[in-house]
Amino acid sequence: MKTDLELALECIVNIYHQYAIKYPIDDYLSKTEFSELLKETAKPFLHDTIPPNTSVDDYISKLFIKADHNHDGRLKFTEFLTTLNLVAIDAHNRSHQHHRSHDHQPDAGHGHDHGHGPK
């Protein structure tokens, strides 16, 4: 039986391929394919990670520019993973900000433990 992490990794690969073969059929994401992928498969997550006073399209555009290391106007799989990494880190940081603003005690837990120190 596959673990949750294995399933999540498989899902990332499958979703990448589903969108990378749209227009044209290749193994890269165009900016349009990248935008569609995020808007169609990660909309709630995306909205939770967008910085204040930034539109969805502007945020996606900034993510695309950061990820397109070779500046060829398309993302290969490793560049796409860089983007997922940035979004995940941003979401993780925001989860801490969100929970801190709701905590009434400075060292109150925030509902999940991921090794930030002893309890």
N, C-alpha and C. Protein backbone atom coordinates (compact mmCIF):
# COMPACT_ATOMS: atom_id res chain seq x y z
N MET A 1 0.84 -1.19 0.00
CA MET A 1 0.00 0.00 0.00
C MET A 1 0.88 1.24 0.00
N LYS A 2 0.53 2.20 -0.83
CA LYS A 2 1.32 3.42 -0.94
C LYS A 2 1.00 4.37 0.20
N THR A 3 2.04 5.10 0.60
CA THR A 3 1.86 6.10 1.66
C THR A 3 1.21 7.35 1.09
N ASP A 4 0.75 8.21 1.97
CA ASP A 4 0.17 9.49 1.54
C ASP A 4 1.17 10.30 0.72
N LEU A 5 2.43 10.30 1.15
CA LEU A 5 3.45 11.06 0.43
C LEU A 5 3.67 10.48 -0.96
N GLU A 6 3.73 9.15 -1.08
CA GLU A 6 3.90 8.54 -2.40
C GLU A 6 2.74 8.89 -3.32
N LEU A 7 1.53 8.85 -2.79
CA LEU A 7 0.35 9.21 -3.58
C LEU A 7 0.40 10.67 -4.01
N ALA A 8 0.82 11.55 -3.09
CA ALA A 8 0.91 12.97 -3.42
C ALA A 8 1.96 13.22 -4.51
N LEU A 9 3.08 12.55 -4.42
CA LEU A 9 4.13 12.72 -5.43
C LEU A 9 3.68 12.20 -6.79
N GLU A 10 3.02 11.06 -6.81
CA GLU A 10 2.46 10.52 -8.05
C GLU A 10 1.46 11.50 -8.65
N CYS A 11 0.64 12.08 -7.80
CA CYS A 11 -0.38 13.04 -8.23
C CYS A 11 0.27 14.26 -8.88
N ILE A 12 1.36 14.76 -8.29
CA ILE A 12 2.07 15.92 -8.85
C ILE A 12 2.56 15.60 -10.26
N VAL A 13 3.17 14.44 -10.43
CA VAL A 13 3.68 14.04 -11.75
C VAL A 13 2.54 13.92 -12.75
N ASN A 14 1.45 13.27 -12.35
CA ASN A 14 0.31 13.08 -13.25
C ASN A 14 -0.35 14.40 -13.65
N ILE A 15 -0.52 15.30 -12.69
CA ILE A 15 -1.12 16.60 -13.01
C ILE A 15 -0.21 17.40 -13.92
N TYR A 16 1.09 17.38 -13.66
CA TYR A 16 2.04 18.07 -14.54
C TYR A 16 1.87 17.57 -15.98
N HIS A 17 1.87 16.26 -16.17
CA HIS A 17 1.75 15.71 -17.52
C HIS A 17 0.40 16.03 -18.16
N GLN A 18 -0.65 16.02 -17.36
CA GLN A 18 -1.98 16.33 -17.88
C GLN A 18 -2.01 17.73 -18.50
N TYR A 19 -1.33 18.68 -17.90
CA TYR A 19 -1.34 20.05 -18.42
C TYR A 19 -0.21 20.31 -19.41
N ALA A 20 0.92 19.62 -19.27
CA ALA A 20 2.06 19.86 -20.15
C ALA A 20 1.80 19.40 -21.58
N ILE A 21 0.83 18.53 -21.77
CA ILE A 21 0.59 18.02 -23.13
C ILE A 21 -0.54 18.76 -23.86
N LYS A 22 -0.99 19.88 -23.29
CA LYS A 22 -2.13 20.58 -23.90
C LYS A 22 -1.75 21.31 -25.19
N TYR A 23 -1.00 22.39 -25.10
CA TYR A 23 -0.69 23.17 -26.30
C TYR A 23 0.72 23.69 -26.24
N PRO A 24 1.62 23.25 -27.01
CA PRO A 24 1.61 22.06 -27.87
C PRO A 24 1.85 20.81 -27.02
N ILE A 25 1.79 19.69 -27.69
CA ILE A 25 2.04 18.43 -26.99
C ILE A 25 3.55 18.31 -26.79
N ASP A 26 3.99 18.55 -25.57
CA ASP A 26 5.40 18.44 -25.22
C ASP A 26 5.48 18.11 -23.73
N ASP A 27 6.64 18.18 -23.16
CA ASP A 27 6.80 17.88 -21.74
C ASP A 27 7.18 19.15 -20.97
N TYR A 28 6.58 20.27 -21.38
CA TYR A 28 6.83 21.56 -20.74
C TYR A 28 5.49 22.24 -20.47
N LEU A 29 5.48 23.13 -19.48
CA LEU A 29 4.30 23.95 -19.22
C LEU A 29 4.53 25.34 -19.79
N SER A 30 3.63 25.77 -20.68
CA SER A 30 3.65 27.17 -21.11
C SER A 30 3.09 28.00 -19.97
N LYS A 31 3.18 29.30 -20.07
CA LYS A 31 2.62 30.15 -19.03
C LYS A 31 1.10 29.95 -18.92
N THR A 32 0.44 29.75 -20.05
CA THR A 32 -1.00 29.50 -20.06
C THR A 32 -1.33 28.18 -19.39
N GLU A 33 -0.59 27.13 -19.73
CA GLU A 33 -0.81 25.82 -19.12
C GLU A 33 -0.56 25.87 -17.61
N PHE A 34 0.51 26.58 -17.23
CA PHE A 34 0.85 26.73 -15.82
C PHE A 34 -0.26 27.45 -15.06
N SER A 35 -0.77 28.51 -15.65
CA SER A 35 -1.85 29.28 -15.04
C SER A 35 -3.11 28.43 -14.91
N GLU A 36 -3.46 27.71 -15.96
CA GLU A 36 -4.63 26.83 -15.91
C GLU A 36 -4.47 25.75 -14.85
N LEU A 37 -3.28 25.15 -14.79
CA LEU A 37 -3.03 24.11 -13.82
C LEU A 37 -3.30 24.62 -12.41
N LEU A 38 -2.72 25.76 -12.06
CA LEU A 38 -2.91 26.30 -10.71
C LEU A 38 -4.36 26.72 -10.45
N LYS A 39 -4.97 27.39 -11.41
CA LYS A 39 -6.35 27.85 -11.22
C LYS A 39 -7.35 26.71 -11.13
N GLU A 40 -7.11 25.62 -11.88
CA GLU A 40 -8.06 24.52 -11.92
C GLU A 40 -7.82 23.46 -10.85
N THR A 41 -6.59 23.32 -10.40
CA THR A 41 -6.29 22.23 -9.48
C THR A 41 -5.89 22.69 -8.08
N ALA A 42 -5.63 23.98 -7.92
CA ALA A 42 -5.14 24.45 -6.61
C ALA A 42 -5.76 25.78 -6.21
N LYS A 43 -6.97 26.06 -6.69
CA LYS A 43 -7.57 27.37 -6.47
C LYS A 43 -7.67 27.78 -4.99
N PRO A 44 -8.25 26.95 -4.11
CA PRO A 44 -8.33 27.37 -2.70
C PRO A 44 -6.94 27.56 -2.08
N PHE A 45 -6.03 26.63 -2.38
CA PHE A 45 -4.67 26.72 -1.86
C PHE A 45 -3.99 27.97 -2.39
N LEU A 46 -4.17 28.25 -3.65
CA LEU A 46 -3.59 29.42 -4.29
C LEU A 46 -4.09 30.70 -3.63
N HIS A 47 -5.37 30.79 -3.41
CA HIS A 47 -5.94 31.99 -2.78
C HIS A 47 -5.43 32.19 -1.36
N ASP A 48 -5.11 31.10 -0.67
CA ASP A 48 -4.58 31.21 0.69
C ASP A 48 -3.13 31.66 0.72
N THR A 49 -2.43 31.56 -0.40
CA THR A 49 -1.00 31.90 -0.42
C THR A 49 -0.70 33.21 -1.14
N ILE A 50 -1.68 33.79 -1.79
CA ILE A 50 -1.45 35.05 -2.51
C ILE A 50 -1.14 36.16 -1.52
N PRO A 51 -0.07 36.90 -1.74
CA PRO A 51 0.24 38.03 -0.86
C PRO A 51 -0.88 39.08 -0.93
N PRO A 52 -1.05 39.84 0.14
CA PRO A 52 -2.08 40.90 0.14
C PRO A 52 -1.88 41.87 -1.04
N ASN A 53 -2.99 42.38 -1.54
CA ASN A 53 -3.00 43.36 -2.63
C ASN A 53 -2.35 42.84 -3.92
N THR A 54 -2.46 41.54 -4.16
CA THR A 54 -1.92 40.94 -5.38
C THR A 54 -3.03 40.13 -6.04
N SER A 55 -3.18 40.28 -7.34
CA SER A 55 -4.19 39.50 -8.05
C SER A 55 -3.67 38.09 -8.30
N VAL A 56 -4.58 37.16 -8.56
CA VAL A 56 -4.21 35.78 -8.85
C VAL A 56 -3.28 35.74 -10.06
N ASP A 57 -3.65 36.46 -11.11
CA ASP A 57 -2.83 36.45 -12.33
C ASP A 57 -1.44 37.03 -12.10
N ASP A 58 -1.35 38.10 -11.31
CA ASP A 58 -0.03 38.67 -11.00
C ASP A 58 0.82 37.69 -10.19
N TYR A 59 0.19 37.04 -9.23
CA TYR A 59 0.91 36.06 -8.40
C TYR A 59 1.41 34.90 -9.25
N ILE A 60 0.56 34.38 -10.12
CA ILE A 60 0.95 33.28 -11.00
C ILE A 60 2.07 33.72 -11.93
N SER A 61 1.97 34.92 -12.45
CA SER A 61 3.01 35.45 -13.34
C SER A 61 4.35 35.55 -12.61
N LYS A 62 4.33 36.04 -11.37
CA LYS A 62 5.57 36.14 -10.59
C LYS A 62 6.15 34.76 -10.30
N LEU A 63 5.29 33.80 -9.98
CA LEU A 63 5.76 32.43 -9.74
C LEU A 63 6.41 31.86 -11.00
N PHE A 64 5.77 32.10 -12.15
CA PHE A 64 6.29 31.59 -13.42
C PHE A 64 7.66 32.18 -13.72
N ILE A 65 7.80 33.49 -13.55
CA ILE A 65 9.07 34.16 -13.83
C ILE A 65 10.18 33.63 -12.91
N LYS A 66 9.86 33.46 -11.62
CA LYS A 66 10.85 32.92 -10.68
C LYS A 66 11.27 31.51 -11.05
N ALA A 67 10.35 30.71 -11.53
CA ALA A 67 10.64 29.31 -11.82
C ALA A 67 11.35 29.10 -13.15
N ASP A 68 11.15 30.00 -14.11
CA ASP A 68 11.70 29.84 -15.46
C ASP A 68 13.19 30.22 -15.45
N HIS A 69 14.01 29.36 -14.87
CA HIS A 69 15.43 29.65 -14.66
C HIS A 69 16.19 29.89 -15.96
N ASN A 70 15.84 29.19 -17.01
CA ASN A 70 16.57 29.36 -18.27
C ASN A 70 15.91 30.37 -19.20
N HIS A 71 14.85 31.01 -18.72
CA HIS A 71 14.16 32.10 -19.44
C HIS A 71 13.73 31.72 -20.86
N ASP A 72 13.23 30.48 -21.00
CA ASP A 72 12.76 30.06 -22.32
C ASP A 72 11.25 30.19 -22.48
N GLY A 73 10.58 30.73 -21.46
CA GLY A 73 9.14 30.96 -21.56
C GLY A 73 8.29 29.73 -21.34
N ARG A 74 8.89 28.68 -20.79
CA ARG A 74 8.16 27.46 -20.47
C ARG A 74 8.86 26.80 -19.28
N LEU A 75 8.10 25.95 -18.58
CA LEU A 75 8.66 25.29 -17.41
C LEU A 75 8.83 23.80 -17.66
N LYS A 76 10.05 23.33 -17.48
CA LYS A 76 10.26 21.88 -17.47
C LYS A 76 9.88 21.40 -16.08
N PHE A 77 9.82 20.08 -15.90
CA PHE A 77 9.31 19.52 -14.65
C PHE A 77 10.08 20.03 -13.43
N THR A 78 11.41 20.09 -13.52
CA THR A 78 12.19 20.55 -12.36
C THR A 78 11.90 22.02 -12.03
N GLU A 79 11.63 22.83 -13.03
CA GLU A 79 11.25 24.23 -12.77
C GLU A 79 9.87 24.30 -12.13
N PHE A 80 8.97 23.44 -12.56
CA PHE A 80 7.64 23.37 -11.96
C PHE A 80 7.75 22.99 -10.49
N LEU A 81 8.61 22.03 -10.16
CA LEU A 81 8.81 21.63 -8.77
C LEU A 81 9.32 22.79 -7.93
N THR A 82 10.17 23.63 -8.50
CA THR A 82 10.65 24.82 -7.80
C THR A 82 9.47 25.70 -7.41
N THR A 83 8.52 25.85 -8.32
CA THR A 83 7.33 26.66 -8.06
C THR A 83 6.50 26.05 -6.94
N LEU A 84 6.29 24.73 -6.99
CA LEU A 84 5.53 24.08 -5.92
C LEU A 84 6.22 24.28 -4.58
N ASN A 85 7.53 24.22 -4.60
CA ASN A 85 8.31 24.44 -3.40
C ASN A 85 8.05 25.85 -2.83
N LEU A 86 8.08 26.85 -3.69
CA LEU A 86 7.85 28.24 -3.25
C LEU A 86 6.44 28.41 -2.69
N VAL A 87 5.45 27.84 -3.36
CA VAL A 87 4.07 27.95 -2.90
C VAL A 87 3.89 27.21 -1.57
N ALA A 88 4.49 26.03 -1.45
CA ALA A 88 4.36 25.27 -0.21
C ALA A 88 5.03 25.99 0.95
N ILE A 89 6.20 26.56 0.73
CA ILE A 89 6.88 27.31 1.79
C ILE A 89 6.04 28.53 2.19
N ASP A 90 5.50 29.22 1.21
CA ASP A 90 4.66 30.39 1.49
C ASP A 90 3.43 29.98 2.30
N ALA A 91 2.80 28.87 1.92
CA ALA A 91 1.62 28.39 2.63
C ALA A 91 1.98 27.98 4.06
N HIS A 92 3.11 27.34 4.22
CA HIS A 92 3.57 26.93 5.55
C HIS A 92 3.79 28.16 6.43
N ASN A 93 4.48 29.15 5.90
CA ASN A 93 4.74 30.38 6.67
C ASN A 93 3.44 31.10 7.03
N ARG A 94 2.52 31.16 6.10
CA ARG A 94 1.24 31.82 6.37
C ARG A 94 0.42 31.04 7.40
N SER A 95 0.58 29.71 7.41
CA SER A 95 -0.16 28.93 8.41
C SER A 95 0.31 29.30 9.81
N HIS A 96 1.58 29.59 9.96
CA HIS A 96 2.10 30.02 11.25
C HIS A 96 1.60 31.41 11.61
N GLN A 97 1.56 32.31 10.65
CA GLN A 97 1.06 33.67 10.90
C GLN A 97 -0.42 33.61 11.27
N HIS A 98 -1.18 32.80 10.56
CA HIS A 98 -2.61 32.68 10.81
C HIS A 98 -2.86 32.14 12.22
N HIS A 99 -2.12 31.11 12.58
CA HIS A 99 -2.33 30.49 13.89
C HIS A 99 -1.85 31.40 15.01
N ARG A 100 -0.77 32.14 14.81
CA ARG A 100 -0.30 33.06 15.84
C ARG A 100 -1.32 34.14 16.13
N SER A 101 -1.99 34.61 15.08
CA SER A 101 -2.97 35.68 15.28
C SER A 101 -4.20 35.18 16.03
N HIS A 102 -4.43 33.86 16.06
CA HIS A 102 -5.58 33.30 16.76
C HIS A 102 -5.22 32.73 18.13
N ASP A 103 -3.92 32.65 18.42
CA ASP A 103 -3.49 32.13 19.71
C ASP A 103 -3.59 33.21 20.76
N HIS A 104 -4.12 32.85 21.91
CA HIS A 104 -4.23 33.81 23.00
C HIS A 104 -3.03 33.72 23.93
N GLN A 105 -2.29 32.62 23.85
CA GLN A 105 -1.09 32.45 24.64
C GLN A 105 0.09 32.41 23.69
N PRO A 106 1.21 33.09 24.03
CA PRO A 106 2.33 33.17 23.10
C PRO A 106 2.88 31.82 22.67
N ASP A 107 2.89 30.79 23.55
CA ASP A 107 3.43 29.52 23.11
C ASP A 107 2.36 28.45 22.94
N ALA A 108 1.15 28.88 22.65
CA ALA A 108 0.08 27.91 22.40
C ALA A 108 0.37 27.17 21.11
N GLY A 109 0.01 25.89 21.05
CA GLY A 109 0.23 25.11 19.84
C GLY A 109 -0.67 25.59 18.72
N HIS A 110 -0.33 25.22 17.51
CA HIS A 110 -1.13 25.67 16.37
C HIS A 110 -1.75 24.51 15.62
N GLY A 111 -2.03 23.43 16.33
CA GLY A 111 -2.83 22.37 15.71
C GLY A 111 -2.07 21.34 14.92
N HIS A 112 -0.79 21.55 14.70
CA HIS A 112 -0.01 20.51 14.04
C HIS A 112 1.41 20.58 14.53
N ASP A 113 2.07 19.45 14.55
CA ASP A 113 3.42 19.37 15.04
C ASP A 113 4.31 18.92 13.92
N HIS A 114 5.34 19.69 13.63
CA HIS A 114 6.28 19.28 12.62
C HIS A 114 7.71 19.60 13.04
N GLY A 115 7.97 19.31 14.31
CA GLY A 115 9.34 19.28 14.77
C GLY A 115 10.00 20.62 14.99
N HIS A 116 9.30 21.63 15.45
CA HIS A 116 9.92 22.90 15.73
C HIS A 116 10.54 22.95 17.13
N GLY A 117 10.52 21.86 17.83
CA GLY A 117 11.13 21.83 19.15
C GLY A 117 10.31 20.98 20.09
N PRO A 118 10.81 20.85 21.32
CA PRO A 118 10.10 19.98 22.26
C PRO A 118 8.76 20.57 22.67
N LYS A 119 7.84 19.68 22.98
CA LYS A 119 6.51 20.09 23.45
C LYS A 119 6.51 20.18 24.93
